[in-house]
Amino acid sequence: MKTIDPEKFKVVAPVSLAAIPTDLNNKASDNDKEDKLDGVREKLSALQDVMYAHNRYGVLICLQGMDTSGKDSLIREVFKEFNPRGVEVSSFKTPNSTELEHDYLWRHYVALPEKGKFAIFNRTHYENVLVTRVHPEYILNENLPGIENVGEITADFWNNRMEQINNFEKHIVQNGTIVMKFYFHMSKEEQRKRLLRRLENEEHHWKFSPGDLKERERWDDYMKYYEEAINKTATPNAPWYIIPSDDKDMARYIVAEIIWQEMQKYTDIKEPELDDKVKMNFAMYKDQLDKE
């Protein structure tokens, strides 16, 4: 199996989602893909340990995609070798009453990674320009000045919100957060198959919600708004990667490999050097412990 080239998945110019395949039709075996993933996640785990000691950068991994696109299982499989102290996962669902008392980005700010850690947003701040565009009535819950009804939510409102998101990402990048955003590009037919499996497999019944079918009816709207959001917020410092996701195993490997390769650009991430005086006295410290 060929090595993954992150540039092939990175959005560097306006894209049409309809023109991008949802499956690479890679002929690699399941064992081959698992072996590749296993190797990369071990390297990522070791890197995170060094990052923790270096204590200069945080890493924000943003995962977006339609229901059943594989975000949850990817988190489980890609990051399972991490030290638990070094990775935190946040899933942003319907804002609660406390969150609605703040601006829409507040709950995302407070979940940003500490220096030396990874944070994974499973659904992200982009819900605020995706779900809310399909269901603009949700905006009314934010109690914003000058917006009393859906008719007052204009195109300028959405453009301003995406500019605010760009500024949010610019701000956190300039302050030491490395940002990578992944869109899980799945076909509507593949989603149908995965929803059916949830209904047919008893142990997966808990994953099914009738709301999944309701949102599926708005598939075309979601694709339209995903495409617009990606095109308006893909920046060099906070890039989007479009990941073919009909094959979950391949999608996991691609994401892991992209993260690994992108992190190699940060050549300053190294374990801190001990003070020379401390190193010179190692023998004394060892002798002190041996005599206890």
C-alpha atoms as a PDB file:
ATOM      1  CA  MET A   1       0.000   0.000   0.000  1.00  0.00           C
ATOM      2  CA  LYS A   2       1.377   3.389  -1.009  1.00  0.00           C
ATOM      3  CA  THR A   3       2.324   5.982   1.586  1.00  0.00           C
ATOM      4  CA  ILE A   4      -0.351   8.601   2.104  1.00  0.00           C
ATOM      5  CA  ASP A   5       0.328  12.073   0.698  1.00  0.00           C
ATOM      6  CA  PRO A   6      -1.553  14.624   2.865  1.00  0.00           C
ATOM      7  CA  GLU A   7      -1.565  17.140   0.027  1.00  0.00           C
ATOM      8  CA  LYS A   8      -3.903  14.905  -1.996  1.00  0.00           C
ATOM      9  CA  PHE A   9      -6.572  15.307   0.664  1.00  0.00           C
ATOM     10  CA  LYS A  10      -5.939  18.909   1.708  1.00  0.00           C
ATOM     11  CA  VAL A  11      -8.300  21.606   0.453  1.00  0.00           C
ATOM     12  CA  VAL A  12      -6.122  24.248  -1.233  1.00  0.00           C
ATOM     13  CA  ALA A  13      -8.668  25.567  -3.752  1.00  0.00           C
ATOM     14  CA  PRO A  14     -12.468  25.637  -4.003  1.00  0.00           C
ATOM     15  CA  VAL A  15     -13.876  22.105  -4.119  1.00  0.00           C
ATOM     16  CA  SER A  16     -17.061  20.412  -5.283  1.00  0.00           C
ATOM     17  CA  LEU A  17     -17.914  17.551  -2.947  1.00  0.00           C
ATOM     18  CA  ALA A  18     -19.899  15.836  -5.695  1.00  0.00           C
ATOM     19  CA  ALA A  19     -16.698  15.552  -7.739  1.00  0.00           C
ATOM     20  CA  ILE A  20     -14.658  13.935  -4.956  1.00  0.00           C
ATOM     21  CA  PRO A  21     -14.833  10.131  -4.540  1.00  0.00           C
ATOM     22  CA  THR A  22     -16.041   8.702  -1.240  1.00  0.00           C
ATOM     23  CA  ASP A  23     -13.975   5.527  -1.688  1.00  0.00           C
ATOM     24  CA  LEU A  24     -10.404   5.203  -2.912  1.00  0.00           C
ATOM     25  CA  ASN A  25     -11.125   1.643  -4.092  1.00  0.00           C
ATOM     26  CA  ASN A  26      -7.831   0.673  -2.520  1.00  0.00           C
ATOM     27  CA  LYS A  27      -7.072  -3.037  -2.934  1.00  0.00           C
ATOM     28  CA  ALA A  28      -5.132  -3.336   0.313  1.00  0.00           C
ATOM     29  CA  SER A  29      -6.262  -6.112   2.625  1.00  0.00           C
ATOM     30  CA  ASP A  30      -7.864  -5.401   5.984  1.00  0.00           C
ATOM     31  CA  ASN A  31      -4.746  -6.799   7.677  1.00  0.00           C
ATOM     32  CA  ASP A  32      -2.504  -4.508   5.662  1.00  0.00           C
ATOM     33  CA  LYS A  33      -4.547  -1.451   6.612  1.00  0.00           C
ATOM     34  CA  GLU A  34      -4.588  -2.472  10.264  1.00  0.00           C
ATOM     35  CA  ASP A  35      -0.820  -3.038  10.265  1.00  0.00           C
ATOM     36  CA  LYS A  36      -0.240   0.382   8.715  1.00  0.00           C
ATOM     37  CA  LEU A  37      -2.530   2.040  11.262  1.00  0.00           C
ATOM     38  CA  ASP A  38      -0.873   0.213  14.134  1.00  0.00           C
ATOM     39  CA  GLY A  39       2.526   1.521  13.112  1.00  0.00           C
ATOM     40  CA  VAL A  40       1.358   5.120  12.803  1.00  0.00           C
ATOM     41  CA  ARG A  41      -0.577   5.228  16.068  1.00  0.00           C
ATOM     42  CA  GLU A  42       2.469   3.968  17.978  1.00  0.00           C
ATOM     43  CA  LYS A  43       4.512   6.802  16.484  1.00  0.00           C
ATOM     44  CA  LEU A  44       1.783   9.319  17.346  1.00  0.00           C
ATOM     45  CA  SER A  45       1.690   8.063  20.928  1.00  0.00           C
ATOM     46  CA  ALA A  46       5.451   8.506  21.270  1.00  0.00           C
ATOM     47  CA  LEU A  47       5.187  11.977  19.715  1.00  0.00           C
ATOM     48  CA  GLN A  48       2.537  12.995  22.219  1.00  0.00           C
ATOM     49  CA  ASP A  49       4.813  12.007  25.099  1.00  0.00           C
ATOM     50  CA  VAL A  50       7.495  14.293  23.687  1.00  0.00           C
ATOM     51  CA  MET A  51       4.923  17.054  23.169  1.00  0.00           C
ATOM     52  CA  TYR A  52       3.863  16.738  26.794  1.00  0.00           C
ATOM     53  CA  ALA A  53       7.443  17.250  27.947  1.00  0.00           C
ATOM     54  CA  HIS A  54       8.050  20.050  25.426  1.00  0.00           C
ATOM     55  CA  ASN A  55       4.920  21.888  26.622  1.00  0.00           C
ATOM     56  CA  ARG A  56       4.721  24.480  23.849  1.00  0.00           C
ATOM     57  CA  TYR A  57       1.987  23.299  21.482  1.00  0.00           C
ATOM     58  CA  GLY A  58      -1.492  21.899  21.775  1.00  0.00           C
ATOM     59  CA  VAL A  59      -3.077  19.987  18.897  1.00  0.00           C
ATOM     60  CA  LEU A  60      -6.736  20.350  17.939  1.00  0.00           C
ATOM     61  CA  ILE A  61      -8.184  17.608  15.733  1.00  0.00           C
ATOM     62  CA  CYS A  62     -11.610  18.522  14.321  1.00  0.00           C
ATOM     63  CA  LEU A  63     -13.844  15.738  13.006  1.00  0.00           C
ATOM     64  CA  GLN A  64     -16.963  16.517  10.972  1.00  0.00           C
ATOM     65  CA  GLY A  65     -19.233  14.267   8.957  1.00  0.00           C
ATOM     66  CA  MET A  66     -22.742  12.968   8.569  1.00  0.00           C
ATOM     67  CA  ASP A  67     -24.203  10.431  11.009  1.00  0.00           C
ATOM     68  CA  THR A  68     -22.501   6.992  10.726  1.00  0.00           C
ATOM     69  CA  SER A  69     -19.465   8.426   8.913  1.00  0.00           C
ATOM     70  CA  GLY A  70     -17.088   6.778  11.396  1.00  0.00           C
ATOM     71  CA  LYS A  71     -15.934   9.571  13.706  1.00  0.00           C
ATOM     72  CA  ASP A  72     -16.442   7.664  16.975  1.00  0.00           C
ATOM     73  CA  SER A  73     -14.696   4.499  15.854  1.00  0.00           C
ATOM     74  CA  LEU A  74     -11.827   6.510  14.397  1.00  0.00           C
ATOM     75  CA  ILE A  75     -11.211   8.186  17.751  1.00  0.00           C
ATOM     76  CA  ARG A  76     -11.198   4.802  19.447  1.00  0.00           C
ATOM     77  CA  GLU A  77      -8.828   3.171  16.953  1.00  0.00           C
ATOM     78  CA  VAL A  78      -6.404   5.981  16.123  1.00  0.00           C
ATOM     79  CA  PHE A  79      -5.810   7.341  19.630  1.00  0.00           C
ATOM     80  CA  LYS A  80      -6.043   4.206  21.758  1.00  0.00           C
ATOM     81  CA  GLU A  81      -2.259   4.039  22.315  1.00  0.00           C
ATOM     82  CA  PHE A  82      -2.171   7.559  23.756  1.00  0.00           C
ATOM     83  CA  ASN A  83      -1.504   8.136  27.419  1.00  0.00           C
ATOM     84  CA  PRO A  84      -4.940   9.182  28.769  1.00  0.00           C
ATOM     85  CA  ARG A  85      -3.395  12.310  30.289  1.00  0.00           C
ATOM     86  CA  GLY A  86      -2.418  13.494  26.816  1.00  0.00           C
ATOM     87  CA  VAL A  87      -5.726  13.442  24.913  1.00  0.00           C
ATOM     88  CA  GLU A  88      -9.193  14.798  25.623  1.00  0.00           C
ATOM     89  CA  VAL A  89     -12.329  14.259  23.531  1.00  0.00           C
ATOM     90  CA  SER A  90     -15.232  16.713  23.371  1.00  0.00           C
ATOM     91  CA  SER A  91     -18.503  16.028  21.572  1.00  0.00           C
ATOM     92  CA  PHE A  92     -20.593  19.101  20.854  1.00  0.00           C
ATOM     93  CA  LYS A  93     -24.279  18.353  20.713  1.00  0.00           C
ATOM     94  CA  THR A  94     -27.250  20.676  21.280  1.00  0.00           C
ATOM     95  CA  PRO A  95     -26.069  23.595  23.458  1.00  0.00           C
ATOM     96  CA  ASN A  96     -27.322  23.428  27.028  1.00  0.00           C
ATOM     97  CA  SER A  97     -28.837  26.336  28.947  1.00  0.00           C
ATOM     98  CA  THR A  98     -25.482  27.455  30.372  1.00  0.00           C
ATOM     99  CA  GLU A  99     -23.800  27.394  26.955  1.00  0.00           C
ATOM    100  CA  LEU A 100     -26.625  29.411  25.432  1.00  0.00           C
ATOM    101  CA  GLU A 101     -25.924  32.190  27.920  1.00  0.00           C
ATOM    102  CA  HIS A 102     -22.594  32.744  26.148  1.00  0.00           C
ATOM    103  CA  ASP A 103     -21.626  33.358  22.535  1.00  0.00           C
ATOM    104  CA  TYR A 104     -21.612  30.264  20.328  1.00  0.00           C
ATOM    105  CA  LEU A 105     -17.821  29.843  20.392  1.00  0.00           C
ATOM    106  CA  TRP A 106     -17.510  29.975  24.187  1.00  0.00           C
ATOM    107  CA  ARG A 107     -17.980  26.250  24.769  1.00  0.00           C
ATOM    108  CA  HIS A 108     -15.330  25.522  22.140  1.00  0.00           C
ATOM    109  CA  TYR A 109     -12.793  27.891  23.670  1.00  0.00           C
ATOM    110  CA  VAL A 110     -13.038  26.205  27.059  1.00  0.00           C
ATOM    111  CA  ALA A 111     -12.458  22.769  25.463  1.00  0.00           C
ATOM    112  CA  LEU A 112      -9.255  23.739  23.637  1.00  0.00           C
ATOM    113  CA  PRO A 113      -6.172  21.600  24.354  1.00  0.00           C
ATOM    114  CA  GLU A 114      -3.712  22.489  27.055  1.00  0.00           C
ATOM    115  CA  LYS A 115      -0.116  22.841  25.943  1.00  0.00           C
ATOM    116  CA  GLY A 116       1.391  19.417  25.390  1.00  0.00           C
ATOM    117  CA  LYS A 117      -1.963  17.741  24.781  1.00  0.00           C
ATOM    118  CA  PHE A 118      -4.254  16.678  21.951  1.00  0.00           C
ATOM    119  CA  ALA A 119      -7.911  17.686  21.940  1.00  0.00           C
ATOM    120  CA  ILE A 120     -10.390  16.007  19.634  1.00  0.00           C
ATOM    121  CA  PHE A 121     -13.605  17.766  18.716  1.00  0.00           C
ATOM    122  CA  ASN A 122     -16.115  15.095  17.660  1.00  0.00           C
ATOM    123  CA  ARG A 123     -18.464  17.443  15.895  1.00  0.00           C
ATOM    124  CA  THR A 124     -17.071  20.909  16.220  1.00  0.00           C
ATOM    125  CA  HIS A 125     -17.642  24.644  16.094  1.00  0.00           C
ATOM    126  CA  TYR A 126     -18.722  24.023  12.488  1.00  0.00           C
ATOM    127  CA  GLU A 127     -22.058  22.702  13.759  1.00  0.00           C
ATOM    128  CA  ASN A 128     -22.826  26.399  14.153  1.00  0.00           C
ATOM    129  CA  VAL A 129     -22.777  26.880  10.355  1.00  0.00           C
ATOM    130  CA  LEU A 130     -24.064  23.425   9.365  1.00  0.00           C
ATOM    131  CA  VAL A 131     -26.911  22.152  11.530  1.00  0.00           C
ATOM    132  CA  THR A 132     -28.038  25.703  12.172  1.00  0.00           C
ATOM    133  CA  ARG A 133     -28.196  26.406   8.445  1.00  0.00           C
ATOM    134  CA  VAL A 134     -30.336  23.363   7.818  1.00  0.00           C
ATOM    135  CA  HIS A 135     -32.412  24.317  10.887  1.00  0.00           C
ATOM    136  CA  PRO A 136     -32.054  28.116  11.187  1.00  0.00           C
ATOM    137  CA  GLU A 137     -34.716  28.165  13.893  1.00  0.00           C
ATOM    138  CA  TYR A 138     -32.015  26.907  16.275  1.00  0.00           C
ATOM    139  CA  ILE A 139     -30.336  30.308  16.024  1.00  0.00           C
ATOM    140  CA  LEU A 140     -33.287  31.854  17.848  1.00  0.00           C
ATOM    141  CA  ASN A 141     -32.235  29.933  20.976  1.00  0.00           C
ATOM    142  CA  GLU A 142     -29.077  32.075  21.089  1.00  0.00           C
ATOM    143  CA  ASN A 143     -31.189  35.168  21.879  1.00  0.00           C
ATOM    144  CA  LEU A 144     -29.102  37.386  19.613  1.00  0.00           C
ATOM    145  CA  PRO A 145     -29.720  41.134  19.345  1.00  0.00           C
ATOM    146  CA  GLY A 146     -31.638  42.091  16.222  1.00  0.00           C
ATOM    147  CA  ILE A 147     -32.842  38.579  15.392  1.00  0.00           C
ATOM    148  CA  GLU A 148     -36.421  37.935  16.409  1.00  0.00           C
ATOM    149  CA  ASN A 149     -37.376  35.453  13.696  1.00  0.00           C
ATOM    150  CA  VAL A 150     -35.837  33.209  11.055  1.00  0.00           C
ATOM    151  CA  GLY A 151     -36.509  35.770   8.339  1.00  0.00           C
ATOM    152  CA  GLU A 152     -33.953  38.089   9.905  1.00  0.00           C
ATOM    153  CA  ILE A 153     -31.134  35.546   9.495  1.00  0.00           C
ATOM    154  CA  THR A 154     -29.549  36.763   6.274  1.00  0.00           C
ATOM    155  CA  ALA A 155     -26.741  35.523   4.039  1.00  0.00           C
ATOM    156  CA  ASP A 156     -24.513  38.167   5.659  1.00  0.00           C
ATOM    157  CA  PHE A 157     -25.171  36.547   9.031  1.00  0.00           C
ATOM    158  CA  TRP A 158     -23.679  33.253   7.831  1.00  0.00           C
ATOM    159  CA  ASN A 159     -20.770  34.948   6.071  1.00  0.00           C
ATOM    160  CA  ASN A 160     -19.980  36.884   9.249  1.00  0.00           C
ATOM    161  CA  ARG A 161     -20.166  33.722  11.330  1.00  0.00           C
ATOM    162  CA  MET A 162     -17.698  31.918   9.073  1.00  0.00           C
ATOM    163  CA  GLU A 163     -15.377  34.918   9.225  1.00  0.00           C
ATOM    164  CA  GLN A 164     -15.623  34.744  13.028  1.00  0.00           C
ATOM    165  CA  ILE A 165     -14.672  31.061  12.893  1.00  0.00           C
ATOM    166  CA  ASN A 166     -11.676  31.894  10.705  1.00  0.00           C
ATOM    167  CA  ASN A 167     -10.624  34.528  13.225  1.00  0.00           C
ATOM    168  CA  PHE A 168     -11.103  32.068  16.109  1.00  0.00           C
ATOM    169  CA  GLU A 169      -8.834  29.546  14.406  1.00  0.00           C
ATOM    170  CA  LYS A 170      -6.286  32.209  13.467  1.00  0.00           C
ATOM    171  CA  HIS A 171      -6.151  33.351  17.081  1.00  0.00           C
ATOM    172  CA  ILE A 172      -5.588  29.905  18.576  1.00  0.00           C
ATOM    173  CA  VAL A 173      -2.998  28.962  15.931  1.00  0.00           C
ATOM    174  CA  GLN A 174      -1.022  32.125  16.638  1.00  0.00           C
ATOM    175  CA  ASN A 175      -1.039  31.153  20.315  1.00  0.00           C
ATOM    176  CA  GLY A 176       0.376  27.669  19.885  1.00  0.00           C
ATOM    177  CA  THR A 177      -2.521  25.407  18.874  1.00  0.00           C
ATOM    178  CA  ILE A 178      -1.959  23.229  15.804  1.00  0.00           C
ATOM    179  CA  VAL A 179      -5.282  22.776  13.990  1.00  0.00           C
ATOM    180  CA  MET A 180      -6.259  20.018  11.557  1.00  0.00           C
ATOM    181  CA  LYS A 181      -9.842  19.636  10.318  1.00  0.00           C
ATOM    182  CA  PHE A 182     -11.173  16.432   8.756  1.00  0.00           C
ATOM    183  CA  TYR A 183     -14.390  16.045   6.807  1.00  0.00           C
ATOM    184  CA  PHE A 184     -15.525  12.404   6.519  1.00  0.00           C
ATOM    185  CA  HIS A 185     -16.801  12.189   2.957  1.00  0.00           C
ATOM    186  CA  MET A 186     -19.315   9.350   2.815  1.00  0.00           C
ATOM    187  CA  SER A 187     -21.840   8.443   0.131  1.00  0.00           C
ATOM    188  CA  LYS A 188     -25.551   8.508   0.844  1.00  0.00           C
ATOM    189  CA  GLU A 189     -25.767   4.847  -0.145  1.00  0.00           C
ATOM    190  CA  GLU A 190     -23.086   3.891   2.368  1.00  0.00           C
ATOM    191  CA  GLN A 191     -24.959   5.718   5.085  1.00  0.00           C
ATOM    192  CA  ARG A 192     -28.109   3.769   4.180  1.00  0.00           C
ATOM    193  CA  LYS A 193     -26.204   0.496   4.610  1.00  0.00           C
ATOM    194  CA  ARG A 194     -24.774   1.543   7.968  1.00  0.00           C
ATOM    195  CA  LEU A 195     -28.148   2.650   9.288  1.00  0.00           C
ATOM    196  CA  LEU A 196     -29.619  -0.673   8.209  1.00  0.00           C
ATOM    197  CA  ARG A 197     -26.871  -2.518  10.081  1.00  0.00           C
ATOM    198  CA  ARG A 198     -27.813  -0.627  13.217  1.00  0.00           C
ATOM    199  CA  LEU A 199     -31.381  -1.838  12.840  1.00  0.00           C
ATOM    200  CA  GLU A 200     -30.441  -5.408  11.967  1.00  0.00           C
ATOM    201  CA  ASN A 201     -27.716  -5.919  14.579  1.00  0.00           C
ATOM    202  CA  GLU A 202     -29.189  -6.026  18.077  1.00  0.00           C
ATOM    203  CA  GLU A 203     -26.002  -4.944  19.808  1.00  0.00           C
ATOM    204  CA  HIS A 204     -26.016  -1.755  17.717  1.00  0.00           C
ATOM    205  CA  HIS A 205     -29.672  -0.879  18.303  1.00  0.00           C
ATOM    206  CA  TRP A 206     -28.670   1.731  20.871  1.00  0.00           C
ATOM    207  CA  LYS A 207     -26.875   3.716  18.172  1.00  0.00           C
ATOM    208  CA  PHE A 208     -30.030   4.193  16.099  1.00  0.00           C
ATOM    209  CA  SER A 209     -32.262   7.237  16.389  1.00  0.00           C
ATOM    210  CA  PRO A 210     -35.296   8.073  14.240  1.00  0.00           C
ATOM    211  CA  GLY A 211     -33.746  11.536  14.021  1.00  0.00           C
ATOM    212  CA  ASP A 212     -31.024  10.037  11.832  1.00  0.00           C
ATOM    213  CA  LEU A 213     -33.619   9.370   9.147  1.00  0.00           C
ATOM    214  CA  LYS A 214     -35.074  12.857   9.497  1.00  0.00           C
ATOM    215  CA  GLU A 215     -31.658  14.432   8.960  1.00  0.00           C
ATOM    216  CA  ARG A 216     -30.974  12.038   6.081  1.00  0.00           C
ATOM    217  CA  GLU A 217     -33.909  13.607   4.242  1.00  0.00           C
ATOM    218  CA  ARG A 218     -31.929  16.854   4.219  1.00  0.00           C
ATOM    219  CA  TRP A 219     -28.813  15.217   2.750  1.00  0.00           C
ATOM    220  CA  ASP A 220     -28.549  17.577  -0.216  1.00  0.00           C
ATOM    221  CA  ASP A 221     -28.835  20.617   2.044  1.00  0.00           C
ATOM    222  CA  TYR A 222     -26.087  19.300   4.284  1.00  0.00           C
ATOM    223  CA  MET A 223     -23.804  18.658   1.314  1.00  0.00           C
ATOM    224  CA  LYS A 224     -24.405  22.191   0.068  1.00  0.00           C
ATOM    225  CA  TYR A 225     -23.574  23.749   3.418  1.00  0.00           C
ATOM    226  CA  TYR A 226     -20.601  21.486   4.091  1.00  0.00           C
ATOM    227  CA  GLU A 227     -19.144  22.472   0.748  1.00  0.00           C
ATOM    228  CA  GLU A 228     -19.662  26.165   1.405  1.00  0.00           C
ATOM    229  CA  ALA A 229     -18.226  25.983   4.931  1.00  0.00           C
ATOM    230  CA  ILE A 230     -15.155  24.047   3.807  1.00  0.00           C
ATOM    231  CA  ASN A 231     -14.471  26.411   0.925  1.00  0.00           C
ATOM    232  CA  LYS A 232     -14.817  29.504   3.107  1.00  0.00           C
ATOM    233  CA  THR A 233     -12.767  28.265   6.051  1.00  0.00           C
ATOM    234  CA  ALA A 234      -9.941  26.240   4.498  1.00  0.00           C
ATOM    235  CA  THR A 235      -6.834  28.228   5.399  1.00  0.00           C
ATOM    236  CA  PRO A 236      -3.106  27.388   5.360  1.00  0.00           C
ATOM    237  CA  ASN A 237      -2.883  27.468   9.158  1.00  0.00           C
ATOM    238  CA  ALA A 238      -6.140  25.583   9.818  1.00  0.00           C
ATOM    239  CA  PRO A 239      -6.514  23.286   6.806  1.00  0.00           C
ATOM    240  CA  TRP A 240      -9.399  21.043   5.862  1.00  0.00           C
ATOM    241  CA  TYR A 241      -8.769  17.482   4.686  1.00  0.00           C
ATOM    242  CA  ILE A 242     -11.507  15.629   2.815  1.00  0.00           C
ATOM    243  CA  ILE A 243     -11.285  11.950   3.746  1.00  0.00           C
ATOM    244  CA  PRO A 244     -13.000   9.274   1.589  1.00  0.00           C
ATOM    245  CA  SER A 245     -14.940   7.412   4.281  1.00  0.00           C
ATOM    246  CA  ASP A 246     -16.934   4.597   2.689  1.00  0.00           C
ATOM    247  CA  ASP A 247     -14.056   2.347   3.820  1.00  0.00           C
ATOM    248  CA  LYS A 248     -13.682   2.970   7.568  1.00  0.00           C
ATOM    249  CA  ASP A 249     -10.377   1.127   7.933  1.00  0.00           C
ATOM    250  CA  MET A 250      -8.801   3.137   5.149  1.00  0.00           C
ATOM    251  CA  ALA A 251     -10.197   6.405   6.496  1.00  0.00           C
ATOM    252  CA  ARG A 252      -8.631   5.738   9.911  1.00  0.00           C
ATOM    253  CA  TYR A 253      -5.227   5.068   8.402  1.00  0.00           C
ATOM    254  CA  ILE A 254      -5.399   8.153   6.175  1.00  0.00           C
ATOM    255  CA  VAL A 255      -6.273  10.447   9.095  1.00  0.00           C
ATOM    256  CA  ALA A 256      -3.564   8.965  11.325  1.00  0.00           C
ATOM    257  CA  GLU A 257      -0.946   9.260   8.585  1.00  0.00           C
ATOM    258  CA  ILE A 258      -1.898  12.868   7.818  1.00  0.00           C
ATOM    259  CA  ILE A 259      -1.628  13.840  11.484  1.00  0.00           C
ATOM    260  CA  TRP A 260       1.757  12.138  11.765  1.00  0.00           C
ATOM    261  CA  GLN A 261       3.179  13.692   8.617  1.00  0.00           C
ATOM    262  CA  GLU A 262       1.880  17.169   9.406  1.00  0.00           C
ATOM    263  CA  MET A 263       3.355  17.012  12.903  1.00  0.00           C
ATOM    264  CA  GLN A 264       6.787  16.265  11.411  1.00  0.00           C
ATOM    265  CA  LYS A 265       6.868  19.883  10.218  1.00  0.00           C
ATOM    266  CA  TYR A 266       7.250  21.033  13.820  1.00  0.00           C
ATOM    267  CA  THR A 267      10.922  20.223  14.164  1.00  0.00           C
ATOM    268  CA  ASP A 268      11.217  22.235  17.372  1.00  0.00           C
ATOM    269  CA  ILE A 269       9.137  19.674  19.318  1.00  0.00           C
ATOM    270  CA  LYS A 270      11.804  17.937  21.370  1.00  0.00           C
ATOM    271  CA  GLU A 271      12.262  16.683  24.899  1.00  0.00           C
ATOM    272  CA  PRO A 272      13.733  19.450  27.064  1.00  0.00           C
ATOM    273  CA  GLU A 273      17.403  19.192  27.937  1.00  0.00           C
ATOM    274  CA  LEU A 274      18.335  18.828  31.590  1.00  0.00           C
ATOM    275  CA  ASP A 275      20.476  21.506  33.147  1.00  0.00           C
ATOM    276  CA  ASP A 276      24.182  20.682  32.734  1.00  0.00           C
ATOM    277  CA  LYS A 277      24.761  20.914  36.481  1.00  0.00           C
ATOM    278  CA  VAL A 278      22.016  18.359  37.106  1.00  0.00           C
ATOM    279  CA  LYS A 279      23.484  15.953  34.556  1.00  0.00           C
ATOM    280  CA  MET A 280      26.958  16.330  36.050  1.00  0.00           C
ATOM    281  CA  ASN A 281      25.620  15.187  39.416  1.00  0.00           C
ATOM    282  CA  PHE A 282      23.800  12.075  38.184  1.00  0.00           C
ATOM    283  CA  ALA A 283      26.358   9.802  39.848  1.00  0.00           C
ATOM    284  CA  MET A 284      25.857  11.595  43.162  1.00  0.00           C
ATOM    285  CA  TYR A 285      22.069  11.316  42.933  1.00  0.00           C
ATOM    286  CA  LYS A 286      22.319   7.625  42.089  1.00  0.00           C
ATOM    287  CA  ASP A 287      24.665   7.020  44.988  1.00  0.00           C
ATOM    288  CA  GLN A 288      22.283   8.846  47.335  1.00  0.00           C
ATOM    289  CA  LEU A 289      19.390   6.597  46.272  1.00  0.00           C
ATOM    290  CA  ASP A 290      21.492   3.426  46.443  1.00  0.00           C
ATOM    291  CA  LYS A 291      22.370   4.188  50.078  1.00  0.00           C
ATOM    292  CA  GLU A 292      18.742   4.521  51.203  1.00  0.00           C
END
